[in-house]
């Protein structure tokens, strides 16, 4: 059964199913995601964090950019890896704790930031655009 919820402001939070397999040749971690309507993947990235307290994001993407992003938390099971903060322009800041397998789909105009709570955690990012253009980001500090 897929576990996800759409928040009325347009942010789409979900819980992916993390699976691991190890044998003498390799170690594999994969994640099964819910169907993300209207989203085709053109870019994949992975951000690894080795210190807690770091904040990434604190910006939103313009409507004109058309950038939609999906971020998935990966790391030690049952540990709070990140605090995800977001808001629609002018709205109040909302916070959600992210554990391994938790994810979010972020449309344009939503300020977003991740605060790292656990070392050796990572965010896997997917985007509908083939390249990232920082000039399409608008700074908006919601986490320090």
C-alpha atoms as a PDB file:
ATOM      1  CA  UNK A   1       0.000   0.000   0.000  1.00  0.00           C
ATOM      2  CA  UNK A   2       1.318   3.456  -0.896  1.00  0.00           C
ATOM      3  CA  UNK A   3       1.679   5.871   2.010  1.00  0.00           C
ATOM      4  CA  UNK A   4       1.514   9.485   0.941  1.00  0.00           C
ATOM      5  CA  UNK A   5      -0.504  12.617   1.439  1.00  0.00           C
ATOM      6  CA  UNK A   6      -0.982  15.775  -0.527  1.00  0.00           C
ATOM      7  CA  UNK A   7      -0.888  18.888   1.602  1.00  0.00           C
ATOM      8  CA  UNK A   8      -3.424  21.472   0.483  1.00  0.00           C
ATOM      9  CA  UNK A   9      -0.760  24.039  -0.396  1.00  0.00           C
ATOM     10  CA  UNK A  10       0.622  21.787  -3.151  1.00  0.00           C
ATOM     11  CA  UNK A  11       3.530  20.064  -1.390  1.00  0.00           C
ATOM     12  CA  UNK A  12       3.270  16.283  -1.860  1.00  0.00           C
ATOM     13  CA  UNK A  13       4.798  14.287   1.037  1.00  0.00           C
ATOM     14  CA  UNK A  14       5.309  10.538   0.783  1.00  0.00           C
ATOM     15  CA  UNK A  15       6.929   7.544   2.439  1.00  0.00           C
ATOM     16  CA  UNK A  16       8.961   5.356   0.128  1.00  0.00           C
ATOM     17  CA  UNK A  17       9.806   1.757   0.882  1.00  0.00           C
ATOM     18  CA  UNK A  18      13.564   1.342   1.391  1.00  0.00           C
ATOM     19  CA  UNK A  19      14.939  -2.095   0.615  1.00  0.00           C
ATOM     20  CA  UNK A  20      18.487  -3.389   1.073  1.00  0.00           C
ATOM     21  CA  UNK A  21      20.335  -6.399  -0.284  1.00  0.00           C
ATOM     22  CA  UNK A  22      23.912  -7.411   0.412  1.00  0.00           C
ATOM     23  CA  UNK A  23      25.937 -10.306  -0.930  1.00  0.00           C
ATOM     24  CA  UNK A  24      29.643 -10.999  -1.455  1.00  0.00           C
ATOM     25  CA  UNK A  25      29.704  -8.792  -4.574  1.00  0.00           C
ATOM     26  CA  UNK A  26      27.852  -5.667  -3.542  1.00  0.00           C
ATOM     27  CA  UNK A  27      25.444  -3.811  -1.324  1.00  0.00           C
ATOM     28  CA  UNK A  28      22.257  -2.443  -2.888  1.00  0.00           C
ATOM     29  CA  UNK A  29      19.832   0.107  -1.459  1.00  0.00           C
ATOM     30  CA  UNK A  30      16.741   0.895  -3.435  1.00  0.00           C
ATOM     31  CA  UNK A  31      13.570   2.768  -2.781  1.00  0.00           C
ATOM     32  CA  UNK A  32      10.085   2.136  -4.149  1.00  0.00           C
ATOM     33  CA  UNK A  33       8.226   5.420  -4.716  1.00  0.00           C
ATOM     34  CA  UNK A  34       4.532   6.142  -5.087  1.00  0.00           C
ATOM     35  CA  UNK A  35       3.309   7.266  -8.492  1.00  0.00           C
ATOM     36  CA  UNK A  36       4.197  10.950  -8.890  1.00  0.00           C
ATOM     37  CA  UNK A  37       1.580  12.306 -11.305  1.00  0.00           C
ATOM     38  CA  UNK A  38       2.806  14.520 -14.134  1.00  0.00           C
ATOM     39  CA  UNK A  39       6.449  14.102 -13.199  1.00  0.00           C
ATOM     40  CA  UNK A  40       9.066  12.708 -15.550  1.00  0.00           C
ATOM     41  CA  UNK A  41      12.660  12.437 -14.331  1.00  0.00           C
ATOM     42  CA  UNK A  42      15.343  14.312 -16.302  1.00  0.00           C
ATOM     43  CA  UNK A  43      17.991  14.766 -13.575  1.00  0.00           C
ATOM     44  CA  UNK A  44      19.163  12.687 -10.600  1.00  0.00           C
ATOM     45  CA  UNK A  45      21.520  13.906  -7.884  1.00  0.00           C
ATOM     46  CA  UNK A  46      22.711  12.736  -4.489  1.00  0.00           C
ATOM     47  CA  UNK A  47      23.844  14.992  -1.642  1.00  0.00           C
ATOM     48  CA  UNK A  48      25.802  13.335   1.181  1.00  0.00           C
ATOM     49  CA  UNK A  49      26.116  14.995   4.600  1.00  0.00           C
ATOM     50  CA  UNK A  50      28.738  14.207   7.206  1.00  0.00           C
ATOM     51  CA  UNK A  51      27.871  16.839   9.825  1.00  0.00           C
ATOM     52  CA  UNK A  52      24.600  17.623  11.542  1.00  0.00           C
ATOM     53  CA  UNK A  53      23.316  21.197  11.758  1.00  0.00           C
ATOM     54  CA  UNK A  54      23.939  22.050   8.084  1.00  0.00           C
ATOM     55  CA  UNK A  55      21.075  23.721   6.204  1.00  0.00           C
ATOM     56  CA  UNK A  56      20.579  23.431   2.446  1.00  0.00           C
ATOM     57  CA  UNK A  57      17.979  25.170   0.309  1.00  0.00           C
ATOM     58  CA  UNK A  58      16.431  28.365   1.678  1.00  0.00           C
ATOM     59  CA  UNK A  59      15.116  29.279  -1.757  1.00  0.00           C
ATOM     60  CA  UNK A  60      12.248  28.742  -4.157  1.00  0.00           C
ATOM     61  CA  UNK A  61      12.145  28.185  -7.898  1.00  0.00           C
ATOM     62  CA  UNK A  62      10.333  30.682 -10.088  1.00  0.00           C
ATOM     63  CA  UNK A  63       7.153  29.769 -11.934  1.00  0.00           C
ATOM     64  CA  UNK A  64       8.966  30.570 -15.188  1.00  0.00           C
ATOM     65  CA  UNK A  65      11.668  27.978 -14.454  1.00  0.00           C
ATOM     66  CA  UNK A  66       9.074  25.204 -14.383  1.00  0.00           C
ATOM     67  CA  UNK A  67      11.383  23.261 -12.030  1.00  0.00           C
ATOM     68  CA  UNK A  68       9.718  20.519 -10.018  1.00  0.00           C
ATOM     69  CA  UNK A  69      11.886  18.596  -7.565  1.00  0.00           C
ATOM     70  CA  UNK A  70      11.547  15.412  -5.584  1.00  0.00           C
ATOM     71  CA  UNK A  71      13.810  14.788  -2.586  1.00  0.00           C
ATOM     72  CA  UNK A  72      14.123  11.471  -0.759  1.00  0.00           C
ATOM     73  CA  UNK A  73      15.895  11.036   2.598  1.00  0.00           C
ATOM     74  CA  UNK A  74      18.260   8.068   2.868  1.00  0.00           C
ATOM     75  CA  UNK A  75      20.268   6.938   5.874  1.00  0.00           C
ATOM     76  CA  UNK A  76      20.139   5.069   9.162  1.00  0.00           C
ATOM     77  CA  UNK A  77      16.669   3.559   9.697  1.00  0.00           C
ATOM     78  CA  UNK A  78      14.486   4.924  12.516  1.00  0.00           C
ATOM     79  CA  UNK A  79      16.662   8.024  13.018  1.00  0.00           C
ATOM     80  CA  UNK A  80      15.425  11.534  12.317  1.00  0.00           C
ATOM     81  CA  UNK A  81      17.659  12.459   9.381  1.00  0.00           C
ATOM     82  CA  UNK A  82      16.295  15.861   8.363  1.00  0.00           C
ATOM     83  CA  UNK A  83      13.828  18.535   9.212  1.00  0.00           C
ATOM     84  CA  UNK A  84      12.116  19.667   6.031  1.00  0.00           C
ATOM     85  CA  UNK A  85      10.851  23.259   6.158  1.00  0.00           C
ATOM     86  CA  UNK A  86       8.625  24.828   3.529  1.00  0.00           C
ATOM     87  CA  UNK A  87       6.118  27.560   2.813  1.00  0.00           C
ATOM     88  CA  UNK A  88       4.283  29.093  -0.068  1.00  0.00           C
ATOM     89  CA  UNK A  89       5.240  32.734  -0.652  1.00  0.00           C
ATOM     90  CA  UNK A  90       4.026  34.813   2.294  1.00  0.00           C
ATOM     91  CA  UNK A  91       2.612  31.804   4.166  1.00  0.00           C
ATOM     92  CA  UNK A  92       3.658  30.392   7.486  1.00  0.00           C
ATOM     93  CA  UNK A  93       6.643  28.076   7.768  1.00  0.00           C
ATOM     94  CA  UNK A  94       5.793  24.392   8.181  1.00  0.00           C
ATOM     95  CA  UNK A  95       8.155  21.676   9.436  1.00  0.00           C
ATOM     96  CA  UNK A  96       8.169  17.925   8.862  1.00  0.00           C
ATOM     97  CA  UNK A  97      10.622  15.355  10.274  1.00  0.00           C
ATOM     98  CA  UNK A  98      12.157  13.113   7.608  1.00  0.00           C
ATOM     99  CA  UNK A  99      13.297   9.554   8.209  1.00  0.00           C
ATOM    100  CA  UNK A 100      14.872   7.156   5.692  1.00  0.00           C
ATOM    101  CA  UNK A 101      12.488   6.743   2.763  1.00  0.00           C
ATOM    102  CA  UNK A 102      10.499   9.921   3.412  1.00  0.00           C
ATOM    103  CA  UNK A 103      10.184  12.233   0.467  1.00  0.00           C
ATOM    104  CA  UNK A 104       8.563  15.303  -0.977  1.00  0.00           C
ATOM    105  CA  UNK A 105       7.570  16.677  -4.369  1.00  0.00           C
ATOM    106  CA  UNK A 106       8.183  20.449  -4.511  1.00  0.00           C
ATOM    107  CA  UNK A 107       6.560  22.572  -7.242  1.00  0.00           C
ATOM    108  CA  UNK A 108       7.708  26.102  -8.185  1.00  0.00           C
ATOM    109  CA  UNK A 109       7.025  28.974  -5.732  1.00  0.00           C
ATOM    110  CA  UNK A 110       7.483  26.893  -2.569  1.00  0.00           C
ATOM    111  CA  UNK A 111      10.420  27.934  -0.419  1.00  0.00           C
ATOM    112  CA  UNK A 112      12.149  24.826   0.873  1.00  0.00           C
ATOM    113  CA  UNK A 113      15.067  23.949   3.131  1.00  0.00           C
ATOM    114  CA  UNK A 114      16.483  20.849   4.782  1.00  0.00           C
ATOM    115  CA  UNK A 115      18.257  20.895   8.141  1.00  0.00           C
ATOM    116  CA  UNK A 116      20.552  17.908   8.688  1.00  0.00           C
ATOM    117  CA  UNK A 117      19.949  16.086  11.983  1.00  0.00           C
ATOM    118  CA  UNK A 118      22.056  12.956  11.537  1.00  0.00           C
ATOM    119  CA  UNK A 119      25.541  12.371  10.175  1.00  0.00           C
ATOM    120  CA  UNK A 120      26.009  10.025   7.228  1.00  0.00           C
ATOM    121  CA  UNK A 121      22.621  10.877   5.775  1.00  0.00           C
ATOM    122  CA  UNK A 122      21.865  11.778   2.184  1.00  0.00           C
ATOM    123  CA  UNK A 123      19.214  13.390   0.049  1.00  0.00           C
ATOM    124  CA  UNK A 124      18.505  11.934  -3.348  1.00  0.00           C
ATOM    125  CA  UNK A 125      17.114  14.564  -5.691  1.00  0.00           C
ATOM    126  CA  UNK A 126      15.112  14.129  -8.874  1.00  0.00           C
ATOM    127  CA  UNK A 127      14.064  16.930 -11.211  1.00  0.00           C
ATOM    128  CA  UNK A 128      11.897  17.324 -14.290  1.00  0.00           C
ATOM    129  CA  UNK A 129      14.606  19.512 -15.927  1.00  0.00           C
ATOM    130  CA  UNK A 130      17.955  18.262 -17.272  1.00  0.00           C
ATOM    131  CA  UNK A 131      20.109  20.946 -15.646  1.00  0.00           C
ATOM    132  CA  UNK A 132      20.048  23.142 -12.578  1.00  0.00           C
ATOM    133  CA  UNK A 133      20.257  26.912 -13.062  1.00  0.00           C
ATOM    134  CA  UNK A 134      20.972  28.796  -9.838  1.00  0.00           C
ATOM    135  CA  UNK A 135      19.857  32.073 -11.422  1.00  0.00           C
ATOM    136  CA  UNK A 136      16.296  30.699 -11.304  1.00  0.00           C
ATOM    137  CA  UNK A 137      16.450  30.396  -7.474  1.00  0.00           C
ATOM    138  CA  UNK A 138      15.081  33.153  -5.282  1.00  0.00           C
ATOM    139  CA  UNK A 139      16.622  33.308  -1.767  1.00  0.00           C
ATOM    140  CA  UNK A 140      14.125  33.124   1.087  1.00  0.00           C
ATOM    141  CA  UNK A 141      15.628  32.222   4.486  1.00  0.00           C
ATOM    142  CA  UNK A 142      13.339  29.931   6.472  1.00  0.00           C
ATOM    143  CA  UNK A 143      15.983  27.866   8.338  1.00  0.00           C
ATOM    144  CA  UNK A 144      19.291  28.777   9.943  1.00  0.00           C
END
